[in-house]
Each structure stands twice: as structure tokens, then as C-alpha cells.
N, C-alpha and C. Protein backbone atom coordinates (compact mmCIF):
# COMPACT_ATOMS: atom_id res chain seq x y z
N MET A 1 88.25 101.73 60.77
CA MET A 1 89.18 102.78 61.13
C MET A 1 88.51 103.88 61.96
N LYS A 2 87.28 104.23 61.60
CA LYS A 2 86.58 105.29 62.32
C LYS A 2 86.34 104.98 63.79
N PRO A 3 86.05 103.71 64.18
CA PRO A 3 85.84 103.44 65.60
C PRO A 3 87.09 103.68 66.45
N LEU A 4 88.26 103.63 65.86
CA LEU A 4 89.49 103.85 66.61
C LEU A 4 89.70 105.32 66.96
N LEU A 5 89.23 106.22 66.14
CA LEU A 5 89.45 107.64 66.36
C LEU A 5 88.92 108.11 67.71
N PRO A 6 87.69 107.80 68.11
CA PRO A 6 87.22 108.25 69.43
C PRO A 6 88.03 107.66 70.58
N ILE A 7 88.49 106.44 70.42
CA ILE A 7 89.30 105.81 71.48
C ILE A 7 90.63 106.54 71.61
N VAL A 8 91.27 106.81 70.49
CA VAL A 8 92.55 107.52 70.50
C VAL A 8 92.38 108.91 71.10
N LEU A 9 91.34 109.62 70.70
CA LEU A 9 91.09 110.96 71.24
C LEU A 9 90.83 110.92 72.74
N ALA A 10 90.10 109.92 73.20
CA ALA A 10 89.83 109.78 74.63
C ALA A 10 91.12 109.54 75.40
N LEU A 11 91.99 108.70 74.89
CA LEU A 11 93.27 108.42 75.56
C LEU A 11 94.15 109.66 75.62
N ILE A 12 94.18 110.42 74.54
CA ILE A 12 94.97 111.65 74.53
C ILE A 12 94.42 112.64 75.54
N THR A 13 93.10 112.78 75.61
CA THR A 13 92.47 113.70 76.56
C THR A 13 92.77 113.29 78.00
N LEU A 14 92.66 112.01 78.30
CA LEU A 14 92.96 111.53 79.65
C LEU A 14 94.41 111.78 80.02
N SER A 15 95.31 111.56 79.09
CA SER A 15 96.73 111.78 79.34
C SER A 15 97.00 113.25 79.62
N CYS A 16 96.39 114.14 78.85
CA CYS A 16 96.57 115.58 79.07
C CYS A 16 96.01 116.01 80.41
N ASN A 17 94.85 115.48 80.78
CA ASN A 17 94.24 115.81 82.07
C ASN A 17 95.13 115.37 83.22
N SER A 18 95.71 114.19 83.12
CA SER A 18 96.60 113.70 84.17
C SER A 18 97.82 114.61 84.31
N GLN A 19 98.39 115.02 83.19
CA GLN A 19 99.56 115.90 83.22
C GLN A 19 99.20 117.25 83.86
N LYS A 20 98.02 117.78 83.56
CA LYS A 20 97.59 119.05 84.17
C LYS A 20 97.41 118.89 85.67
N ARG A 21 96.87 117.75 86.11
CA ARG A 21 96.70 117.51 87.55
C ARG A 21 98.06 117.46 88.23
N ILE A 22 99.05 116.86 87.58
CA ILE A 22 100.40 116.80 88.15
C ILE A 22 100.94 118.22 88.31
N GLU A 23 100.79 119.05 87.29
CA GLU A 23 101.27 120.43 87.34
C GLU A 23 100.59 121.21 88.46
N LYS A 24 99.30 120.95 88.70
CA LYS A 24 98.56 121.68 89.74
C LYS A 24 99.05 121.37 91.15
N THR A 25 99.77 120.25 91.34
CA THR A 25 100.30 119.95 92.67
C THR A 25 101.37 120.95 93.09
N GLY A 26 101.99 121.61 92.10
CA GLY A 26 103.05 122.55 92.39
C GLY A 26 104.41 121.90 92.60
N ILE A 27 104.45 120.59 92.56
CA ILE A 27 105.70 119.86 92.77
C ILE A 27 106.42 119.76 91.43
N LYS A 28 107.69 120.13 91.43
CA LYS A 28 108.49 120.08 90.20
C LYS A 28 109.25 118.76 90.06
N SER A 29 109.64 118.17 91.18
CA SER A 29 110.32 116.88 91.17
C SER A 29 110.44 116.38 92.61
N ILE A 30 110.70 115.09 92.72
CA ILE A 30 110.95 114.47 94.02
C ILE A 30 112.28 113.73 93.92
N ASP A 31 113.21 114.08 94.80
CA ASP A 31 114.48 113.36 94.91
C ASP A 31 114.38 112.49 96.16
N PHE A 32 114.89 111.28 96.08
CA PHE A 32 114.86 110.41 97.25
C PHE A 32 116.01 109.43 97.17
N GLY A 33 116.36 108.88 98.32
CA GLY A 33 117.44 107.91 98.33
C GLY A 33 117.95 107.66 99.73
N TYR A 34 119.20 107.26 99.76
CA TYR A 34 119.83 106.93 101.04
C TYR A 34 121.32 107.17 100.92
N GLY A 35 121.96 107.24 102.07
CA GLY A 35 123.40 107.48 102.07
C GLY A 35 124.03 107.18 103.41
N GLY A 36 125.32 107.47 103.47
CA GLY A 36 126.07 107.30 104.71
C GLY A 36 126.90 106.04 104.72
N GLY A 37 127.13 105.57 105.94
CA GLY A 37 127.95 104.39 106.12
C GLY A 37 129.43 104.70 106.01
N VAL A 38 130.22 103.68 105.88
CA VAL A 38 131.68 103.82 105.84
C VAL A 38 132.13 104.67 104.66
N THR A 39 131.52 104.47 103.50
CA THR A 39 131.95 105.20 102.30
C THR A 39 131.32 106.58 102.20
N GLY A 40 130.20 106.78 102.84
CA GLY A 40 129.49 108.05 102.74
C GLY A 40 128.79 108.24 101.40
N ALA A 41 128.72 107.17 100.61
CA ALA A 41 128.10 107.25 99.29
C ALA A 41 126.62 107.59 99.40
N ILE A 42 126.14 108.37 98.43
CA ILE A 42 124.73 108.75 98.38
C ILE A 42 124.13 108.19 97.09
N HIS A 43 123.01 107.51 97.23
CA HIS A 43 122.27 106.98 96.08
C HIS A 43 121.01 107.81 95.97
N GLN A 44 120.94 108.63 94.92
CA GLN A 44 119.81 109.55 94.78
C GLN A 44 119.05 109.26 93.50
N TYR A 45 117.75 109.11 93.65
CA TYR A 45 116.83 108.92 92.53
C TYR A 45 116.03 110.21 92.36
N ASN A 46 115.61 110.47 91.13
CA ASN A 46 114.85 111.67 90.83
C ASN A 46 113.61 111.27 90.04
N LEU A 47 112.44 111.68 90.55
CA LEU A 47 111.18 111.46 89.84
C LEU A 47 110.70 112.79 89.29
N HIS A 48 110.51 112.84 87.97
CA HIS A 48 110.10 114.05 87.28
C HIS A 48 108.60 114.02 86.99
N PRO A 49 108.00 115.19 86.74
CA PRO A 49 106.54 115.25 86.50
C PRO A 49 106.07 114.42 85.31
N ASN A 50 106.93 114.17 84.35
CA ASN A 50 106.54 113.36 83.19
C ASN A 50 106.62 111.86 83.49
N GLY A 51 107.00 111.50 84.73
CA GLY A 51 107.06 110.11 85.13
C GLY A 51 108.41 109.47 84.96
N ASP A 52 109.38 110.21 84.44
CA ASP A 52 110.73 109.64 84.27
C ASP A 52 111.41 109.52 85.63
N LEU A 53 111.96 108.35 85.88
CA LEU A 53 112.72 108.10 87.10
C LEU A 53 114.18 107.92 86.72
N GLU A 54 115.05 108.68 87.37
CA GLU A 54 116.47 108.63 87.06
C GLU A 54 117.28 108.29 88.29
N LEU A 55 118.38 107.61 88.05
CA LEU A 55 119.41 107.40 89.05
C LEU A 55 120.63 108.13 88.51
N GLY A 56 120.98 109.23 89.16
CA GLY A 56 122.03 110.09 88.61
C GLY A 56 121.54 110.67 87.30
N ASP A 57 122.29 110.46 86.24
CA ASP A 57 121.90 110.96 84.92
C ASP A 57 121.28 109.88 84.05
N SER A 58 121.05 108.71 84.60
CA SER A 58 120.54 107.57 83.81
C SER A 58 119.07 107.33 84.08
N ALA A 59 118.27 107.29 83.02
CA ALA A 59 116.85 106.94 83.14
C ALA A 59 116.75 105.46 83.46
N ILE A 60 115.96 105.12 84.50
CA ILE A 60 115.84 103.71 84.87
C ILE A 60 114.41 103.19 84.79
N ASN A 61 113.43 104.11 84.70
CA ASN A 61 112.04 103.67 84.64
C ASN A 61 111.17 104.84 84.18
N SER A 62 109.98 104.51 83.72
CA SER A 62 109.01 105.53 83.37
C SER A 62 107.69 105.15 84.04
N ILE A 63 107.13 106.07 84.79
CA ILE A 63 105.95 105.81 85.61
C ILE A 63 104.72 106.40 84.93
N LYS A 64 103.60 105.74 85.07
CA LYS A 64 102.35 106.25 84.49
C LYS A 64 101.94 107.55 85.17
N ASN A 65 101.25 108.41 84.40
CA ASN A 65 100.82 109.71 84.92
C ASN A 65 99.98 109.60 86.19
N LYS A 66 99.08 108.63 86.24
CA LYS A 66 98.21 108.49 87.41
C LYS A 66 99.04 108.23 88.67
N GLN A 67 100.02 107.35 88.57
CA GLN A 67 100.86 107.02 89.72
C GLN A 67 101.75 108.22 90.08
N THR A 68 102.27 108.90 89.07
CA THR A 68 103.09 110.09 89.32
C THR A 68 102.26 111.15 90.05
N TYR A 69 101.03 111.35 89.59
CA TYR A 69 100.14 112.32 90.24
C TYR A 69 99.94 111.96 91.71
N GLU A 70 99.65 110.71 92.00
CA GLU A 70 99.41 110.30 93.39
C GLU A 70 100.64 110.55 94.26
N LEU A 71 101.82 110.25 93.74
CA LEU A 71 103.06 110.47 94.50
C LEU A 71 103.32 111.95 94.71
N PHE A 72 103.10 112.76 93.68
CA PHE A 72 103.31 114.20 93.80
C PHE A 72 102.29 114.81 94.77
N ARG A 73 101.07 114.32 94.72
CA ARG A 73 100.04 114.82 95.64
C ARG A 73 100.41 114.48 97.08
N GLN A 74 100.86 113.25 97.30
CA GLN A 74 101.28 112.83 98.64
C GLN A 74 102.48 113.65 99.11
N ALA A 75 103.41 113.91 98.22
CA ALA A 75 104.58 114.73 98.57
C ALA A 75 104.17 116.16 98.90
N GLY A 76 103.20 116.68 98.18
CA GLY A 76 102.73 118.04 98.44
C GLY A 76 102.22 118.22 99.86
N ARG A 77 101.66 117.18 100.42
CA ARG A 77 101.16 117.25 101.81
C ARG A 77 102.31 117.35 102.82
N LEU A 78 103.54 117.05 102.36
CA LEU A 78 104.69 117.07 103.27
C LEU A 78 105.57 118.31 103.10
N MET A 79 105.12 119.26 102.29
CA MET A 79 105.94 120.45 102.03
C MET A 79 106.26 121.24 103.29
N ASP A 80 105.38 121.22 104.26
CA ASP A 80 105.61 121.98 105.49
C ASP A 80 106.16 121.12 106.63
N TYR A 81 106.35 119.85 106.39
CA TYR A 81 106.87 118.96 107.43
C TYR A 81 108.39 119.12 107.53
N ARG A 82 108.88 119.31 108.73
CA ARG A 82 110.32 119.50 108.94
C ARG A 82 110.88 118.37 109.79
N PHE A 83 111.89 117.71 109.27
CA PHE A 83 112.58 116.67 110.03
C PHE A 83 113.93 116.47 109.35
N ASN A 84 114.99 116.73 110.07
CA ASN A 84 116.33 116.59 109.52
C ASN A 84 117.23 116.00 110.60
N GLN A 85 117.19 114.68 110.73
CA GLN A 85 117.99 113.99 111.73
C GLN A 85 118.67 112.77 111.12
N PRO A 86 119.61 113.02 110.19
CA PRO A 86 120.31 111.88 109.60
C PRO A 86 121.27 111.26 110.60
N GLY A 87 121.43 109.99 110.49
CA GLY A 87 122.41 109.29 111.30
C GLY A 87 123.52 108.80 110.39
N ASN A 88 124.27 107.81 110.86
CA ASN A 88 125.34 107.24 110.06
C ASN A 88 124.79 106.70 108.73
N MET A 89 123.70 105.95 108.80
CA MET A 89 122.99 105.47 107.61
C MET A 89 121.64 106.18 107.61
N TYR A 90 121.33 106.86 106.54
CA TYR A 90 120.12 107.67 106.53
C TYR A 90 119.37 107.55 105.21
N SER A 91 118.11 107.93 105.25
CA SER A 91 117.26 108.01 104.06
C SER A 91 116.81 109.47 103.93
N PHE A 92 116.41 109.85 102.73
CA PHE A 92 115.97 111.23 102.54
C PHE A 92 114.95 111.33 101.42
N ILE A 93 114.17 112.39 101.50
CA ILE A 93 113.27 112.82 100.44
C ILE A 93 113.43 114.34 100.31
N ARG A 94 113.63 114.81 99.09
CA ARG A 94 113.65 116.25 98.83
C ARG A 94 112.49 116.54 97.88
N ILE A 95 111.58 117.38 98.34
CA ILE A 95 110.41 117.75 97.54
C ILE A 95 110.69 119.13 96.97
N ASN A 96 110.74 119.20 95.65
CA ASN A 96 111.09 120.44 94.97
C ASN A 96 109.84 121.08 94.36
N SER A 97 109.59 122.32 94.76
CA SER A 97 108.53 123.13 94.16
C SER A 97 109.16 124.51 93.99
N GLU A 98 108.43 125.56 94.27
CA GLU A 98 109.05 126.89 94.24
C GLU A 98 110.15 126.97 95.29
N THR A 99 109.97 126.22 96.35
CA THR A 99 111.00 126.06 97.38
C THR A 99 111.31 124.57 97.46
N SER A 100 112.19 124.21 98.35
CA SER A 100 112.57 122.81 98.50
C SER A 100 112.44 122.41 99.96
N ASN A 101 111.96 121.21 100.19
CA ASN A 101 111.87 120.69 101.55
C ASN A 101 112.66 119.39 101.61
N TYR A 102 113.72 119.39 102.39
CA TYR A 102 114.59 118.23 102.54
C TYR A 102 114.27 117.56 103.87
N ILE A 103 113.89 116.29 103.81
CA ILE A 103 113.55 115.51 104.99
C ILE A 103 114.55 114.35 105.06
N SER A 104 115.24 114.20 106.18
CA SER A 104 116.19 113.09 106.33
C SER A 104 116.03 112.46 107.70
N TRP A 105 116.30 111.17 107.75
CA TRP A 105 116.14 110.43 109.00
C TRP A 105 117.04 109.21 109.00
N SER A 106 117.37 108.78 110.21
CA SER A 106 118.13 107.53 110.39
C SER A 106 117.21 106.36 110.18
N ARG A 107 117.73 105.33 109.62
CA ARG A 107 116.92 104.13 109.43
C ARG A 107 116.46 103.62 110.79
N GLY A 108 115.19 103.30 110.88
CA GLY A 108 114.62 102.81 112.13
C GLY A 108 114.22 103.90 113.10
N ASP A 109 114.33 105.17 112.70
CA ASP A 109 113.97 106.28 113.57
C ASP A 109 112.46 106.26 113.82
N SER A 110 112.06 106.19 115.07
CA SER A 110 110.63 106.11 115.41
C SER A 110 109.97 107.49 115.51
N GLN A 111 110.75 108.56 115.42
CA GLN A 111 110.18 109.91 115.55
C GLN A 111 109.67 110.46 114.22
N ILE A 112 110.09 109.88 113.11
CA ILE A 112 109.69 110.38 111.80
C ILE A 112 108.21 110.07 111.56
N ASP A 113 107.50 110.99 110.97
CA ASP A 113 106.08 110.79 110.69
C ASP A 113 105.89 109.61 109.73
N GLN A 114 104.92 108.78 109.99
CA GLN A 114 104.67 107.59 109.19
C GLN A 114 104.35 107.92 107.73
N SER A 115 103.77 109.09 107.48
CA SER A 115 103.45 109.46 106.10
C SER A 115 104.71 109.64 105.26
N VAL A 116 105.82 110.04 105.88
CA VAL A 116 107.10 110.16 105.17
C VAL A 116 107.60 108.76 104.80
N ILE A 117 107.53 107.85 105.74
CA ILE A 117 107.96 106.47 105.50
C ILE A 117 107.10 105.85 104.40
N ASP A 118 105.81 106.09 104.45
CA ASP A 118 104.90 105.55 103.43
C ASP A 118 105.27 106.06 102.04
N LEU A 119 105.53 107.36 101.92
CA LEU A 119 105.91 107.93 100.63
C LEU A 119 107.25 107.34 100.18
N PHE A 120 108.20 107.27 101.08
CA PHE A 120 109.52 106.74 100.75
C PHE A 120 109.41 105.28 100.24
N ASN A 121 108.60 104.49 100.92
CA ASN A 121 108.42 103.09 100.51
C ASN A 121 107.77 103.00 99.14
N LYS A 122 106.79 103.84 98.87
CA LYS A 122 106.16 103.85 97.54
C LYS A 122 107.15 104.26 96.46
N LEU A 123 107.95 105.28 96.76
CA LEU A 123 108.95 105.72 95.80
C LEU A 123 109.96 104.60 95.51
N ASN A 124 110.34 103.88 96.54
CA ASN A 124 111.32 102.80 96.36
C ASN A 124 110.81 101.64 95.53
N THR A 125 109.50 101.48 95.43
CA THR A 125 108.96 100.40 94.60
C THR A 125 109.09 100.73 93.11
N LEU A 126 109.39 101.97 92.77
CA LEU A 126 109.48 102.39 91.37
C LEU A 126 110.76 101.94 90.70
N LYS A 127 111.79 101.65 91.48
CA LYS A 127 113.12 101.35 90.94
C LYS A 127 113.16 100.09 90.12
């Protein structure tokens, strides 16, 4: 029984450190999705700092702290990036911190920075 105690304590410490790193990014949540078309429907996912991924009000996945940290860190680099050119069918990322940065683009738009597409693609693998 005693050999398990150090392992459990180490896991708890690592988990707490990861959560603190997420908080230090300053990002409160990331919303992402797509919309438009004939119906104008919007499909929005929300990633929270605790790793919970929601579609609307329904939890659909839980992400590990390390992966959440990497996504929040990558999103933090885009807080000052401005691009809002939605077309009929569009994708978006909203990065929420003390302020909010909404980035939207038409699918296939070649003017959007590749780092936005990379983040969007990573976020979409979480679903």
C-alpha cells in the first residue's frame, strides 16, 4: 500500500501543475464551429479550461489537461489576429479571455493565416 502513495501524490501534483499552466494562458474558453448555407444553422463547440468539450449544452468529450493546455496556448498566440470574412459557408474560432477575439473565414479562403487553420483542425479532432 505504501508504494502507491508516492505515485498517487505525483499524479495529483502533475494534474494541479497542468491546470495552473492552463490558467496562466489567460484563455477562459475556446468556441469553434461552422455555419451558414441554406439553413444558416450554426454548429458551435465549446472547450473549457477543465478539458470539457460541449456541443450546445451537451458534454461530448473530456480532454486531458496537457492537450487542453497546448490548445489554449496556441489560441493565446491568436488573440491579436484579426480576420472576419465569413462567406455563405464559414468556419469560426472565438477565443475568450478578458476580451474576446472572433475569427471567421469562408471555407477554402487562402487569405486566412495557416496557424488559424491548424488550430481549427486540432480542435475538430476533439469531437
